[in-house]
């Protein structure tokens, strides 16, 4: 269903949602726009390119308790499941696409992740199309675009002095018919489709420079290439790339106990950290930065595509913008293709 909503009505809707659920939205703080919990629409930044943090932080938190346990002769375990409803406003197309990639890992197969599944069920995603892609964005390299809406429950497109709104799921329709009742107006179908088309065709200049086609096949025979030795010397091993990435999902599980009770918690980890794969006996299958750097890029551009038939990157550009030494996935793609072309 295609509708329109005026900015003032959108703020009214967001104020209602903030009273009914945890509202996550773009907010400016110390010159940085990031997704964070807000209590009112007045705290939201509506004019931004992309947020420094992604919706991953609220679907797969940086740290969380998974279960409590008590030992008083017998072991008693209580699982902890997130139950609070949350609404995420302003999720950019690249992050909507990233959620779909995370879903493939964490909601399918024998070991589907229960806490992530619970948050997905309890979360409404309100997407917001990109008016001005950043210089570091390259979503179009992977087939996405500034108007990509797949994964959103409700998708918004800024259209002059109003927003075009499209409901895509039952959650989205429930939002419009519930707290949004009376705030939306019917849209002219032809005009609305023209707006959507314009966003889908909007240029992303950096995307023209990053050609991912066939990179997974090239990497099939690139595991032992000298290239990994060369670029690993540049890496600091800081893990910034993995922490800002909306699709990285490496984690660590730890049990902490005191007396007869304790908690198991999970926190993000990084394939760029030396101890990530180190075993209790001391063996480390990725003992140097070479193996760790290679793992990061092979996972995103070769291993994941072979398993799920899509790249584990959406071209959000965060690693491009934030790596302190300029070692990022867009550069690796260009380098590897260049090495292959001159081989």
C-alpha atoms as a PDB file:
ATOM      1  CA  UNK A   1       0.000   0.000   0.000  1.00  0.00           C
ATOM      2  CA  UNK A   2       1.357   3.415  -1.001  1.00  0.00           C
ATOM      3  CA  UNK A   3       0.547   6.482   1.099  1.00  0.00           C
ATOM      4  CA  UNK A   4       1.988   9.847   2.037  1.00  0.00           C
ATOM      5  CA  UNK A   5       2.687  11.364   5.430  1.00  0.00           C
ATOM      6  CA  UNK A   6       3.554  14.947   6.327  1.00  0.00           C
ATOM      7  CA  UNK A   7       6.706  15.580   8.423  1.00  0.00           C
ATOM      8  CA  UNK A   8       4.664  16.840  11.386  1.00  0.00           C
ATOM      9  CA  UNK A   9       2.489  13.738  11.278  1.00  0.00           C
ATOM     10  CA  UNK A  10       5.575  11.547  11.066  1.00  0.00           C
ATOM     11  CA  UNK A  11       6.897  13.194  14.231  1.00  0.00           C
ATOM     12  CA  UNK A  12       3.540  12.608  15.897  1.00  0.00           C
ATOM     13  CA  UNK A  13       3.743   8.940  14.938  1.00  0.00           C
ATOM     14  CA  UNK A  14       7.274   8.620  16.263  1.00  0.00           C
ATOM     15  CA  UNK A  15       6.295  10.265  19.544  1.00  0.00           C
ATOM     16  CA  UNK A  16       3.498   7.706  19.911  1.00  0.00           C
ATOM     17  CA  UNK A  17       5.881   4.836  19.152  1.00  0.00           C
ATOM     18  CA  UNK A  18       8.398   6.114  21.707  1.00  0.00           C
ATOM     19  CA  UNK A  19       5.699   5.847  24.380  1.00  0.00           C
ATOM     20  CA  UNK A  20       4.680   2.323  23.361  1.00  0.00           C
ATOM     21  CA  UNK A  21       8.026   0.638  22.645  1.00  0.00           C
ATOM     22  CA  UNK A  22      11.767   1.172  22.571  1.00  0.00           C
ATOM     23  CA  UNK A  23      12.261   3.600  19.700  1.00  0.00           C
ATOM     24  CA  UNK A  24      15.652   3.445  18.001  1.00  0.00           C
ATOM     25  CA  UNK A  25      16.432   6.268  15.587  1.00  0.00           C
ATOM     26  CA  UNK A  26      19.281   8.375  14.140  1.00  0.00           C
ATOM     27  CA  UNK A  27      20.476  10.922  16.667  1.00  0.00           C
ATOM     28  CA  UNK A  28      23.301  13.436  16.453  1.00  0.00           C
ATOM     29  CA  UNK A  29      25.772  13.387  19.332  1.00  0.00           C
ATOM     30  CA  UNK A  30      29.161  15.140  19.340  1.00  0.00           C
ATOM     31  CA  UNK A  31      28.966  15.563  15.594  1.00  0.00           C
ATOM     32  CA  UNK A  32      28.290  11.871  14.945  1.00  0.00           C
ATOM     33  CA  UNK A  33      24.942  10.447  13.827  1.00  0.00           C
ATOM     34  CA  UNK A  34      24.251   7.014  15.204  1.00  0.00           C
ATOM     35  CA  UNK A  35      21.266   4.799  15.873  1.00  0.00           C
ATOM     36  CA  UNK A  36      20.339   5.007  19.533  1.00  0.00           C
ATOM     37  CA  UNK A  37      17.265   4.825  21.771  1.00  0.00           C
ATOM     38  CA  UNK A  38      15.298   8.083  21.795  1.00  0.00           C
ATOM     39  CA  UNK A  39      12.358   9.217  23.898  1.00  0.00           C
ATOM     40  CA  UNK A  40      10.842  11.694  21.465  1.00  0.00           C
ATOM     41  CA  UNK A  41      10.927  12.776  17.828  1.00  0.00           C
ATOM     42  CA  UNK A  42      12.695  15.967  18.888  1.00  0.00           C
ATOM     43  CA  UNK A  43      15.837  13.897  19.526  1.00  0.00           C
ATOM     44  CA  UNK A  44      15.891  12.440  15.990  1.00  0.00           C
ATOM     45  CA  UNK A  45      18.176  13.604  13.187  1.00  0.00           C
ATOM     46  CA  UNK A  46      16.237  13.493   9.915  1.00  0.00           C
ATOM     47  CA  UNK A  47      18.958  14.925   7.683  1.00  0.00           C
ATOM     48  CA  UNK A  48      21.916  12.549   7.550  1.00  0.00           C
ATOM     49  CA  UNK A  49      23.771  10.388   5.039  1.00  0.00           C
ATOM     50  CA  UNK A  50      24.232   7.213   7.057  1.00  0.00           C
ATOM     51  CA  UNK A  51      24.591   6.397  10.715  1.00  0.00           C
ATOM     52  CA  UNK A  52      27.940   5.446  12.238  1.00  0.00           C
ATOM     53  CA  UNK A  53      26.276   2.437  13.865  1.00  0.00           C
ATOM     54  CA  UNK A  54      23.783   0.021  12.353  1.00  0.00           C
ATOM     55  CA  UNK A  55      20.586  -1.746  13.374  1.00  0.00           C
ATOM     56  CA  UNK A  56      22.724  -4.809  14.143  1.00  0.00           C
ATOM     57  CA  UNK A  57      23.452  -3.261  17.543  1.00  0.00           C
ATOM     58  CA  UNK A  58      19.795  -3.724  18.526  1.00  0.00           C
ATOM     59  CA  UNK A  59      19.147  -7.114  16.930  1.00  0.00           C
ATOM     60  CA  UNK A  60      22.457  -8.709  17.919  1.00  0.00           C
ATOM     61  CA  UNK A  61      23.726  -6.528  20.796  1.00  0.00           C
ATOM     62  CA  UNK A  62      27.402  -6.029  21.534  1.00  0.00           C
ATOM     63  CA  UNK A  63      26.889  -7.927  24.791  1.00  0.00           C
ATOM     64  CA  UNK A  64      23.936  -9.688  26.384  1.00  0.00           C
ATOM     65  CA  UNK A  65      23.102 -12.295  29.006  1.00  0.00           C
ATOM     66  CA  UNK A  66      21.774 -15.534  27.530  1.00  0.00           C
ATOM     67  CA  UNK A  67      21.030 -17.588  30.642  1.00  0.00           C
ATOM     68  CA  UNK A  68      21.359 -17.717  34.414  1.00  0.00           C
ATOM     69  CA  UNK A  69      22.313 -20.806  36.344  1.00  0.00           C
ATOM     70  CA  UNK A  70      22.209 -21.866  39.984  1.00  0.00           C
ATOM     71  CA  UNK A  71      23.861 -24.878  41.603  1.00  0.00           C
ATOM     72  CA  UNK A  72      22.461 -25.932  44.969  1.00  0.00           C
ATOM     73  CA  UNK A  73      22.923 -29.656  44.695  1.00  0.00           C
ATOM     74  CA  UNK A  74      21.299 -29.678  41.266  1.00  0.00           C
ATOM     75  CA  UNK A  75      21.909 -27.458  38.272  1.00  0.00           C
ATOM     76  CA  UNK A  76      19.059 -25.063  37.490  1.00  0.00           C
ATOM     77  CA  UNK A  77      19.177 -23.117  34.237  1.00  0.00           C
ATOM     78  CA  UNK A  78      16.958 -20.184  33.288  1.00  0.00           C
ATOM     79  CA  UNK A  79      17.108 -18.976  29.702  1.00  0.00           C
ATOM     80  CA  UNK A  80      16.841 -15.229  29.111  1.00  0.00           C
ATOM     81  CA  UNK A  81      14.805 -14.165  26.106  1.00  0.00           C
ATOM     82  CA  UNK A  82      14.373 -10.546  25.009  1.00  0.00           C
ATOM     83  CA  UNK A  83      10.685  -9.645  25.094  1.00  0.00           C
ATOM     84  CA  UNK A  84      10.575  -5.867  24.772  1.00  0.00           C
ATOM     85  CA  UNK A  85       9.007  -4.503  21.591  1.00  0.00           C
ATOM     86  CA  UNK A  86      11.223  -2.136  19.640  1.00  0.00           C
ATOM     87  CA  UNK A  87      10.809   0.044  16.563  1.00  0.00           C
ATOM     88  CA  UNK A  88      13.794   1.103  14.476  1.00  0.00           C
ATOM     89  CA  UNK A  89      13.271   4.258  12.419  1.00  0.00           C
ATOM     90  CA  UNK A  90      15.592   5.492   9.682  1.00  0.00           C
ATOM     91  CA  UNK A  91      17.167   2.170   8.725  1.00  0.00           C
ATOM     92  CA  UNK A  92      19.041   2.787   5.475  1.00  0.00           C
ATOM     93  CA  UNK A  93      18.748   0.389   2.502  1.00  0.00           C
ATOM     94  CA  UNK A  94      22.252  -1.019   3.036  1.00  0.00           C
ATOM     95  CA  UNK A  95      21.332  -1.953   6.606  1.00  0.00           C
ATOM     96  CA  UNK A  96      18.011  -3.469   5.559  1.00  0.00           C
ATOM     97  CA  UNK A  97      20.002  -5.671   3.187  1.00  0.00           C
ATOM     98  CA  UNK A  98      22.451  -6.470   5.999  1.00  0.00           C
ATOM     99  CA  UNK A  99      19.624  -7.746   8.226  1.00  0.00           C
ATOM    100  CA  UNK A 100      18.658 -10.214   5.495  1.00  0.00           C
ATOM    101  CA  UNK A 101      22.257 -11.489   5.394  1.00  0.00           C
ATOM    102  CA  UNK A 102      22.347 -11.853   9.180  1.00  0.00           C
ATOM    103  CA  UNK A 103      19.024 -13.701   9.066  1.00  0.00           C
ATOM    104  CA  UNK A 104      20.545 -16.388   6.850  1.00  0.00           C
ATOM    105  CA  UNK A 105      23.132 -17.165   9.517  1.00  0.00           C
ATOM    106  CA  UNK A 106      21.154 -16.670  12.715  1.00  0.00           C
ATOM    107  CA  UNK A 107      17.616 -17.803  11.897  1.00  0.00           C
ATOM    108  CA  UNK A 108      18.210 -20.891   9.762  1.00  0.00           C
ATOM    109  CA  UNK A 109      19.743 -24.325  10.200  1.00  0.00           C
ATOM    110  CA  UNK A 110      20.204 -26.565  13.195  1.00  0.00           C
ATOM    111  CA  UNK A 111      21.731 -23.871  15.414  1.00  0.00           C
ATOM    112  CA  UNK A 112      19.396 -20.926  14.857  1.00  0.00           C
ATOM    113  CA  UNK A 113      20.057 -18.230  17.452  1.00  0.00           C
ATOM    114  CA  UNK A 114      17.071 -17.886  19.796  1.00  0.00           C
ATOM    115  CA  UNK A 115      17.811 -14.404  21.182  1.00  0.00           C
ATOM    116  CA  UNK A 116      18.303 -12.945  17.718  1.00  0.00           C
ATOM    117  CA  UNK A 117      15.113 -14.606  16.520  1.00  0.00           C
ATOM    118  CA  UNK A 118      13.187 -13.146  19.455  1.00  0.00           C
ATOM    119  CA  UNK A 119      14.439  -9.631  18.712  1.00  0.00           C
ATOM    120  CA  UNK A 120      13.604  -9.965  15.017  1.00  0.00           C
ATOM    121  CA  UNK A 121      10.088 -11.018  15.951  1.00  0.00           C
ATOM    122  CA  UNK A 122       9.681  -8.085  18.350  1.00  0.00           C
ATOM    123  CA  UNK A 123      11.182  -5.421  16.064  1.00  0.00           C
ATOM    124  CA  UNK A 124       9.494  -3.243  13.461  1.00  0.00           C
ATOM    125  CA  UNK A 125      11.876  -1.845  10.833  1.00  0.00           C
ATOM    126  CA  UNK A 126      11.044   1.531   9.294  1.00  0.00           C
ATOM    127  CA  UNK A 127      13.366   2.064   6.355  1.00  0.00           C
ATOM    128  CA  UNK A 128      14.364   5.456   4.993  1.00  0.00           C
ATOM    129  CA  UNK A 129      15.637   5.765   1.424  1.00  0.00           C
ATOM    130  CA  UNK A 130      18.923   7.608   0.825  1.00  0.00           C
ATOM    131  CA  UNK A 131      18.672  11.120  -0.595  1.00  0.00           C
ATOM    132  CA  UNK A 132      22.442  11.696  -0.686  1.00  0.00           C
ATOM    133  CA  UNK A 133      24.692   8.619  -0.596  1.00  0.00           C
ATOM    134  CA  UNK A 134      28.049   9.286   1.037  1.00  0.00           C
ATOM    135  CA  UNK A 135      31.325   9.322  -0.887  1.00  0.00           C
ATOM    136  CA  UNK A 136      32.217   5.998   0.754  1.00  0.00           C
ATOM    137  CA  UNK A 137      28.954   4.194  -0.145  1.00  0.00           C
ATOM    138  CA  UNK A 138      28.985   1.444  -2.786  1.00  0.00           C
ATOM    139  CA  UNK A 139      25.709  -0.452  -2.298  1.00  0.00           C
ATOM    140  CA  UNK A 140      25.104  -0.576  -6.055  1.00  0.00           C
ATOM    141  CA  UNK A 141      28.191  -2.765  -6.445  1.00  0.00           C
ATOM    142  CA  UNK A 142      26.170  -5.589  -4.870  1.00  0.00           C
ATOM    143  CA  UNK A 143      22.908  -4.895  -6.690  1.00  0.00           C
ATOM    144  CA  UNK A 144      21.305  -2.773  -3.986  1.00  0.00           C
ATOM    145  CA  UNK A 145      20.354   0.884  -4.446  1.00  0.00           C
ATOM    146  CA  UNK A 146      19.408   4.029  -2.457  1.00  0.00           C
ATOM    147  CA  UNK A 147      15.744   3.049  -2.601  1.00  0.00           C
ATOM    148  CA  UNK A 148      16.162  -0.627  -1.677  1.00  0.00           C
ATOM    149  CA  UNK A 149      13.229  -1.615   0.521  1.00  0.00           C
ATOM    150  CA  UNK A 150      13.405  -5.411   0.901  1.00  0.00           C
ATOM    151  CA  UNK A 151      13.414  -6.235   4.597  1.00  0.00           C
ATOM    152  CA  UNK A 152      11.563  -3.125   5.756  1.00  0.00           C
ATOM    153  CA  UNK A 153       8.157  -3.360   7.376  1.00  0.00           C
ATOM    154  CA  UNK A 154       7.408   0.233   6.405  1.00  0.00           C
ATOM    155  CA  UNK A 155       9.538   2.102   3.847  1.00  0.00           C
ATOM    156  CA  UNK A 156       9.741   5.898   3.625  1.00  0.00           C
ATOM    157  CA  UNK A 157      10.979   8.046   0.732  1.00  0.00           C
ATOM    158  CA  UNK A 158      11.456  11.789   1.198  1.00  0.00           C
ATOM    159  CA  UNK A 159       9.446  13.492  -1.536  1.00  0.00           C
ATOM    160  CA  UNK A 160       9.655  17.258  -1.371  1.00  0.00           C
ATOM    161  CA  UNK A 161       7.704  18.497   1.640  1.00  0.00           C
ATOM    162  CA  UNK A 162       6.331  15.058   2.528  1.00  0.00           C
ATOM    163  CA  UNK A 163       7.251  11.378   2.731  1.00  0.00           C
ATOM    164  CA  UNK A 164       6.026   8.616   0.486  1.00  0.00           C
ATOM    165  CA  UNK A 165       5.264   5.570   2.632  1.00  0.00           C
ATOM    166  CA  UNK A 166       4.910   1.939   1.567  1.00  0.00           C
ATOM    167  CA  UNK A 167       3.741  -0.872   3.822  1.00  0.00           C
ATOM    168  CA  UNK A 168       5.518  -4.125   3.028  1.00  0.00           C
ATOM    169  CA  UNK A 169       4.551  -6.501   5.855  1.00  0.00           C
ATOM    170  CA  UNK A 170       1.801  -7.146   8.371  1.00  0.00           C
ATOM    171  CA  UNK A 171       3.937  -5.346  10.964  1.00  0.00           C
ATOM    172  CA  UNK A 172       4.034  -2.286   8.734  1.00  0.00           C
ATOM    173  CA  UNK A 173       0.302  -2.386   8.131  1.00  0.00           C
ATOM    174  CA  UNK A 174      -0.293  -2.769  11.855  1.00  0.00           C
ATOM    175  CA  UNK A 175       1.785   0.344  12.496  1.00  0.00           C
ATOM    176  CA  UNK A 176      -0.194   2.383   9.952  1.00  0.00           C
ATOM    177  CA  UNK A 177      -3.585   1.112  11.105  1.00  0.00           C
ATOM    178  CA  UNK A 178      -2.716   1.364  14.808  1.00  0.00           C
ATOM    179  CA  UNK A 179      -0.617   4.282  16.111  1.00  0.00           C
ATOM    180  CA  UNK A 180      -0.514   5.785  12.632  1.00  0.00           C
ATOM    181  CA  UNK A 181      -4.285   5.858  12.146  1.00  0.00           C
ATOM    182  CA  UNK A 182      -5.363   9.138  10.564  1.00  0.00           C
ATOM    183  CA  UNK A 183      -1.790  10.320   9.954  1.00  0.00           C
ATOM    184  CA  UNK A 184      -1.368   8.913   6.445  1.00  0.00           C
ATOM    185  CA  UNK A 185      -3.098   9.887   3.206  1.00  0.00           C
ATOM    186  CA  UNK A 186      -3.575   7.843   0.019  1.00  0.00           C
ATOM    187  CA  UNK A 187      -0.855   8.395  -2.571  1.00  0.00           C
ATOM    188  CA  UNK A 188      -1.218   8.850  -6.298  1.00  0.00           C
ATOM    189  CA  UNK A 189       0.013   5.473  -7.554  1.00  0.00           C
ATOM    190  CA  UNK A 190       1.740   6.735 -10.704  1.00  0.00           C
ATOM    191  CA  UNK A 191       3.488   9.583  -8.909  1.00  0.00           C
ATOM    192  CA  UNK A 192       4.529   7.272  -6.076  1.00  0.00           C
ATOM    193  CA  UNK A 193       6.027   4.731  -8.446  1.00  0.00           C
ATOM    194  CA  UNK A 194       7.975   7.529 -10.139  1.00  0.00           C
ATOM    195  CA  UNK A 195       9.430   8.554  -6.770  1.00  0.00           C
ATOM    196  CA  UNK A 196      10.468   4.978  -6.007  1.00  0.00           C
ATOM    197  CA  UNK A 197      12.020   4.591  -9.454  1.00  0.00           C
ATOM    198  CA  UNK A 198      14.011   7.803  -9.044  1.00  0.00           C
ATOM    199  CA  UNK A 199      15.502   6.552  -5.776  1.00  0.00           C
ATOM    200  CA  UNK A 200      16.297   3.142  -7.254  1.00  0.00           C
ATOM    201  CA  UNK A 201      18.163   4.804 -10.119  1.00  0.00           C
ATOM    202  CA  UNK A 202      19.977   7.378  -7.979  1.00  0.00           C
ATOM    203  CA  UNK A 203      23.704   7.362  -8.636  1.00  0.00           C
ATOM    204  CA  UNK A 204      26.195   6.093  -6.092  1.00  0.00           C
ATOM    205  CA  UNK A 205      29.496   7.330  -7.574  1.00  0.00           C
ATOM    206  CA  UNK A 206      31.839   5.089  -5.548  1.00  0.00           C
ATOM    207  CA  UNK A 207      29.747   2.093  -6.571  1.00  0.00           C
ATOM    208  CA  UNK A 208      30.918   2.544 -10.151  1.00  0.00           C
ATOM    209  CA  UNK A 209      34.502   2.075  -8.990  1.00  0.00           C
ATOM    210  CA  UNK A 210      33.938  -1.234  -7.162  1.00  0.00           C
ATOM    211  CA  UNK A 211      33.161  -4.186  -9.432  1.00  0.00           C
ATOM    212  CA  UNK A 212      32.434  -7.303  -7.377  1.00  0.00           C
ATOM    213  CA  UNK A 213      31.316  -9.467 -10.281  1.00  0.00           C
ATOM    214  CA  UNK A 214      33.201 -12.757 -10.217  1.00  0.00           C
ATOM    215  CA  UNK A 215      35.344 -11.916  -7.193  1.00  0.00           C
ATOM    216  CA  UNK A 216      34.145 -15.060  -5.372  1.00  0.00           C
ATOM    217  CA  UNK A 217      35.404 -17.256  -8.209  1.00  0.00           C
ATOM    218  CA  UNK A 218      38.737 -15.434  -8.408  1.00  0.00           C
ATOM    219  CA  UNK A 219      39.275 -15.992  -4.688  1.00  0.00           C
ATOM    220  CA  UNK A 220      38.757 -19.751  -5.133  1.00  0.00           C
ATOM    221  CA  UNK A 221      42.376 -19.884  -6.257  1.00  0.00           C
ATOM    222  CA  UNK A 222      43.766 -16.975  -4.250  1.00  0.00           C
ATOM    223  CA  UNK A 223      44.221 -18.489  -0.803  1.00  0.00           C
ATOM    224  CA  UNK A 224      48.034 -18.768  -0.999  1.00  0.00           C
ATOM    225  CA  UNK A 225      48.675 -15.581  -2.948  1.00  0.00           C
ATOM    226  CA  UNK A 226      51.493 -13.268  -1.808  1.00  0.00           C
ATOM    227  CA  UNK A 227      48.918 -10.465  -1.718  1.00  0.00           C
ATOM    228  CA  UNK A 228      47.756 -11.486   1.769  1.00  0.00           C
ATOM    229  CA  UNK A 229      51.295 -11.180   3.129  1.00  0.00           C
ATOM    230  CA  UNK A 230      51.627  -7.732   1.595  1.00  0.00           C
ATOM    231  CA  UNK A 231      48.421  -6.170   2.914  1.00  0.00           C
ATOM    232  CA  UNK A 232      48.591  -7.779   6.352  1.00  0.00           C
ATOM    233  CA  UNK A 233      51.616  -5.639   7.201  1.00  0.00           C
ATOM    234  CA  UNK A 234      49.382  -2.600   6.868  1.00  0.00           C
ATOM    235  CA  UNK A 235      46.659  -3.867   9.230  1.00  0.00           C
ATOM    236  CA  UNK A 236      46.718  -2.708  12.857  1.00  0.00           C
ATOM    237  CA  UNK A 237      44.472  -5.531  14.072  1.00  0.00           C
ATOM    238  CA  UNK A 238      42.248  -2.998  15.830  1.00  0.00           C
ATOM    239  CA  UNK A 239      38.987  -4.663  14.801  1.00  0.00           C
ATOM    240  CA  UNK A 240      37.270  -1.376  13.892  1.00  0.00           C
ATOM    241  CA  UNK A 241      36.126  -2.809  10.556  1.00  0.00           C
ATOM    242  CA  UNK A 242      34.315  -5.703  12.221  1.00  0.00           C
ATOM    243  CA  UNK A 243      32.678  -3.621  14.926  1.00  0.00           C
ATOM    244  CA  UNK A 244      31.172  -1.054  12.542  1.00  0.00           C
ATOM    245  CA  UNK A 245      30.186  -3.677   9.954  1.00  0.00           C
ATOM    246  CA  UNK A 246      26.420  -4.392   9.850  1.00  0.00           C
ATOM    247  CA  UNK A 247      26.973  -8.028   8.816  1.00  0.00           C
ATOM    248  CA  UNK A 248      29.906  -9.229  10.971  1.00  0.00           C
ATOM    249  CA  UNK A 249      28.626 -11.681  13.580  1.00  0.00           C
ATOM    250  CA  UNK A 250      31.642 -13.292  15.299  1.00  0.00           C
ATOM    251  CA  UNK A 251      31.049 -13.658  19.026  1.00  0.00           C
ATOM    252  CA  UNK A 252      32.455 -15.046  22.265  1.00  0.00           C
ATOM    253  CA  UNK A 253      30.538 -17.014  24.915  1.00  0.00           C
ATOM    254  CA  UNK A 254      31.638 -16.818  28.539  1.00  0.00           C
ATOM    255  CA  UNK A 255      30.314 -18.313  31.779  1.00  0.00           C
ATOM    256  CA  UNK A 256      30.919 -16.236  34.887  1.00  0.00           C
ATOM    257  CA  UNK A 257      30.112 -17.805  38.240  1.00  0.00           C
ATOM    258  CA  UNK A 258      30.419 -16.716  41.859  1.00  0.00           C
ATOM    259  CA  UNK A 259      29.376 -18.971  44.663  1.00  0.00           C
ATOM    260  CA  UNK A 260      26.530 -21.155  43.515  1.00  0.00           C
ATOM    261  CA  UNK A 261      25.205 -18.926  40.758  1.00  0.00           C
ATOM    262  CA  UNK A 262      26.338 -17.417  37.519  1.00  0.00           C
ATOM    263  CA  UNK A 263      25.482 -16.139  34.073  1.00  0.00           C
ATOM    264  CA  UNK A 264      26.392 -17.004  30.516  1.00  0.00           C
ATOM    265  CA  UNK A 265      26.832 -13.980  28.322  1.00  0.00           C
ATOM    266  CA  UNK A 266      27.718 -13.363  24.726  1.00  0.00           C
ATOM    267  CA  UNK A 267      29.739 -10.469  23.364  1.00  0.00           C
ATOM    268  CA  UNK A 268      31.006  -9.499  19.944  1.00  0.00           C
ATOM    269  CA  UNK A 269      34.418 -10.767  18.976  1.00  0.00           C
ATOM    270  CA  UNK A 270      36.496 -10.206  15.877  1.00  0.00           C
ATOM    271  CA  UNK A 271      38.365 -12.408  13.438  1.00  0.00           C
ATOM    272  CA  UNK A 272      40.977  -9.637  13.464  1.00  0.00           C
ATOM    273  CA  UNK A 273      41.908 -10.315  17.109  1.00  0.00           C
ATOM    274  CA  UNK A 274      44.832 -12.644  17.800  1.00  0.00           C
ATOM    275  CA  UNK A 275      43.011 -14.668  20.451  1.00  0.00           C
ATOM    276  CA  UNK A 276      39.755 -15.185  18.563  1.00  0.00           C
ATOM    277  CA  UNK A 277      40.501 -18.753  17.410  1.00  0.00           C
ATOM    278  CA  UNK A 278      43.129 -19.585  20.009  1.00  0.00           C
ATOM    279  CA  UNK A 279      42.353 -22.926  21.652  1.00  0.00           C
ATOM    280  CA  UNK A 280      42.600 -23.866  25.307  1.00  0.00           C
ATOM    281  CA  UNK A 281      45.702 -25.943  24.611  1.00  0.00           C
ATOM    282  CA  UNK A 282      47.457 -22.946  23.089  1.00  0.00           C
ATOM    283  CA  UNK A 283      47.134 -23.787  19.390  1.00  0.00           C
ATOM    284  CA  UNK A 284      46.053 -20.909  17.154  1.00  0.00           C
ATOM    285  CA  UNK A 285      45.036 -21.781  13.569  1.00  0.00           C
ATOM    286  CA  UNK A 286      45.394 -18.117  12.584  1.00  0.00           C
ATOM    287  CA  UNK A 287      48.629 -17.204  14.334  1.00  0.00           C
ATOM    288  CA  UNK A 288      49.554 -14.072  12.359  1.00  0.00           C
ATOM    289  CA  UNK A 289      47.813 -11.057  10.888  1.00  0.00           C
ATOM    290  CA  UNK A 290      48.132 -12.604   7.441  1.00  0.00           C
ATOM    291  CA  UNK A 291      45.732 -15.442   8.306  1.00  0.00           C
ATOM    292  CA  UNK A 292      43.356 -13.105  10.087  1.00  0.00           C
ATOM    293  CA  UNK A 293      43.216 -10.501   7.331  1.00  0.00           C
ATOM    294  CA  UNK A 294      42.747 -13.216   4.742  1.00  0.00           C
ATOM    295  CA  UNK A 295      39.933 -14.788   6.788  1.00  0.00           C
ATOM    296  CA  UNK A 296      37.967 -11.539   6.970  1.00  0.00           C
ATOM    297  CA  UNK A 297      37.922 -10.924   3.249  1.00  0.00           C
ATOM    298  CA  UNK A 298      37.630 -14.558   2.183  1.00  0.00           C
ATOM    299  CA  UNK A 299      34.629 -14.972   4.480  1.00  0.00           C
ATOM    300  CA  UNK A 300      32.783 -11.997   3.031  1.00  0.00           C
ATOM    301  CA  UNK A 301      33.699 -12.507  -0.598  1.00  0.00           C
ATOM    302  CA  UNK A 302      34.147 -16.279  -0.968  1.00  0.00           C
ATOM    303  CA  UNK A 303      33.038 -18.525   1.901  1.00  0.00           C
ATOM    304  CA  UNK A 304      29.682 -16.852   2.577  1.00  0.00           C
ATOM    305  CA  UNK A 305      28.787 -16.532  -1.143  1.00  0.00           C
ATOM    306  CA  UNK A 306      29.494 -20.218  -1.706  1.00  0.00           C
ATOM    307  CA  UNK A 307      27.182 -21.130   1.165  1.00  0.00           C
ATOM    308  CA  UNK A 308      24.403 -18.555   0.823  1.00  0.00           C
ATOM    309  CA  UNK A 309      24.777 -17.290  -2.753  1.00  0.00           C
ATOM    310  CA  UNK A 310      25.288 -13.646  -1.779  1.00  0.00           C
ATOM    311  CA  UNK A 311      28.196 -11.522  -0.569  1.00  0.00           C
ATOM    312  CA  UNK A 312      28.467 -10.741   3.134  1.00  0.00           C
ATOM    313  CA  UNK A 313      28.746  -7.010   2.446  1.00  0.00           C
ATOM    314  CA  UNK A 314      26.179  -4.416   1.434  1.00  0.00           C
ATOM    315  CA  UNK A 315      28.483  -1.534   0.522  1.00  0.00           C
ATOM    316  CA  UNK A 316      27.526   0.632   3.506  1.00  0.00           C
ATOM    317  CA  UNK A 317      31.003   2.187   3.409  1.00  0.00           C
ATOM    318  CA  UNK A 318      31.579   2.247   7.155  1.00  0.00           C
ATOM    319  CA  UNK A 319      34.851   0.320   6.971  1.00  0.00           C
ATOM    320  CA  UNK A 320      35.963   2.564   4.113  1.00  0.00           C
ATOM    321  CA  UNK A 321      35.330   5.631   6.227  1.00  0.00           C
ATOM    322  CA  UNK A 322      36.664   4.331   9.530  1.00  0.00           C
ATOM    323  CA  UNK A 323      39.662   2.082   8.913  1.00  0.00           C
ATOM    324  CA  UNK A 324      42.620   4.111  10.230  1.00  0.00           C
ATOM    325  CA  UNK A 325      44.985   2.726   7.564  1.00  0.00           C
ATOM    326  CA  UNK A 326      42.630   2.565   4.572  1.00  0.00           C
ATOM    327  CA  UNK A 327      42.538  -1.242   4.403  1.00  0.00           C
ATOM    328  CA  UNK A 328      38.944  -1.978   3.446  1.00  0.00           C
ATOM    329  CA  UNK A 329      36.879  -4.371   1.382  1.00  0.00           C
ATOM    330  CA  UNK A 330      36.394  -2.064  -1.607  1.00  0.00           C
ATOM    331  CA  UNK A 331      40.155  -1.688  -1.951  1.00  0.00           C
ATOM    332  CA  UNK A 332      40.725  -5.433  -1.595  1.00  0.00           C
ATOM    333  CA  UNK A 333      38.223  -6.162  -4.365  1.00  0.00           C
ATOM    334  CA  UNK A 334      39.987  -3.763  -6.712  1.00  0.00           C
ATOM    335  CA  UNK A 335      43.417  -5.085  -5.724  1.00  0.00           C
ATOM    336  CA  UNK A 336      42.532  -8.747  -6.214  1.00  0.00           C
ATOM    337  CA  UNK A 337      40.966  -8.091  -9.589  1.00  0.00           C
ATOM    338  CA  UNK A 338      44.037  -6.101 -10.549  1.00  0.00           C
ATOM    339  CA  UNK A 339      46.376  -8.926  -9.511  1.00  0.00           C
ATOM    340  CA  UNK A 340      44.283 -11.402 -11.500  1.00  0.00           C
ATOM    341  CA  UNK A 341      44.239  -9.157 -14.562  1.00  0.00           C
ATOM    342  CA  UNK A 342      48.052  -8.888 -14.558  1.00  0.00           C
ATOM    343  CA  UNK A 343      48.720 -12.535 -13.688  1.00  0.00           C
END
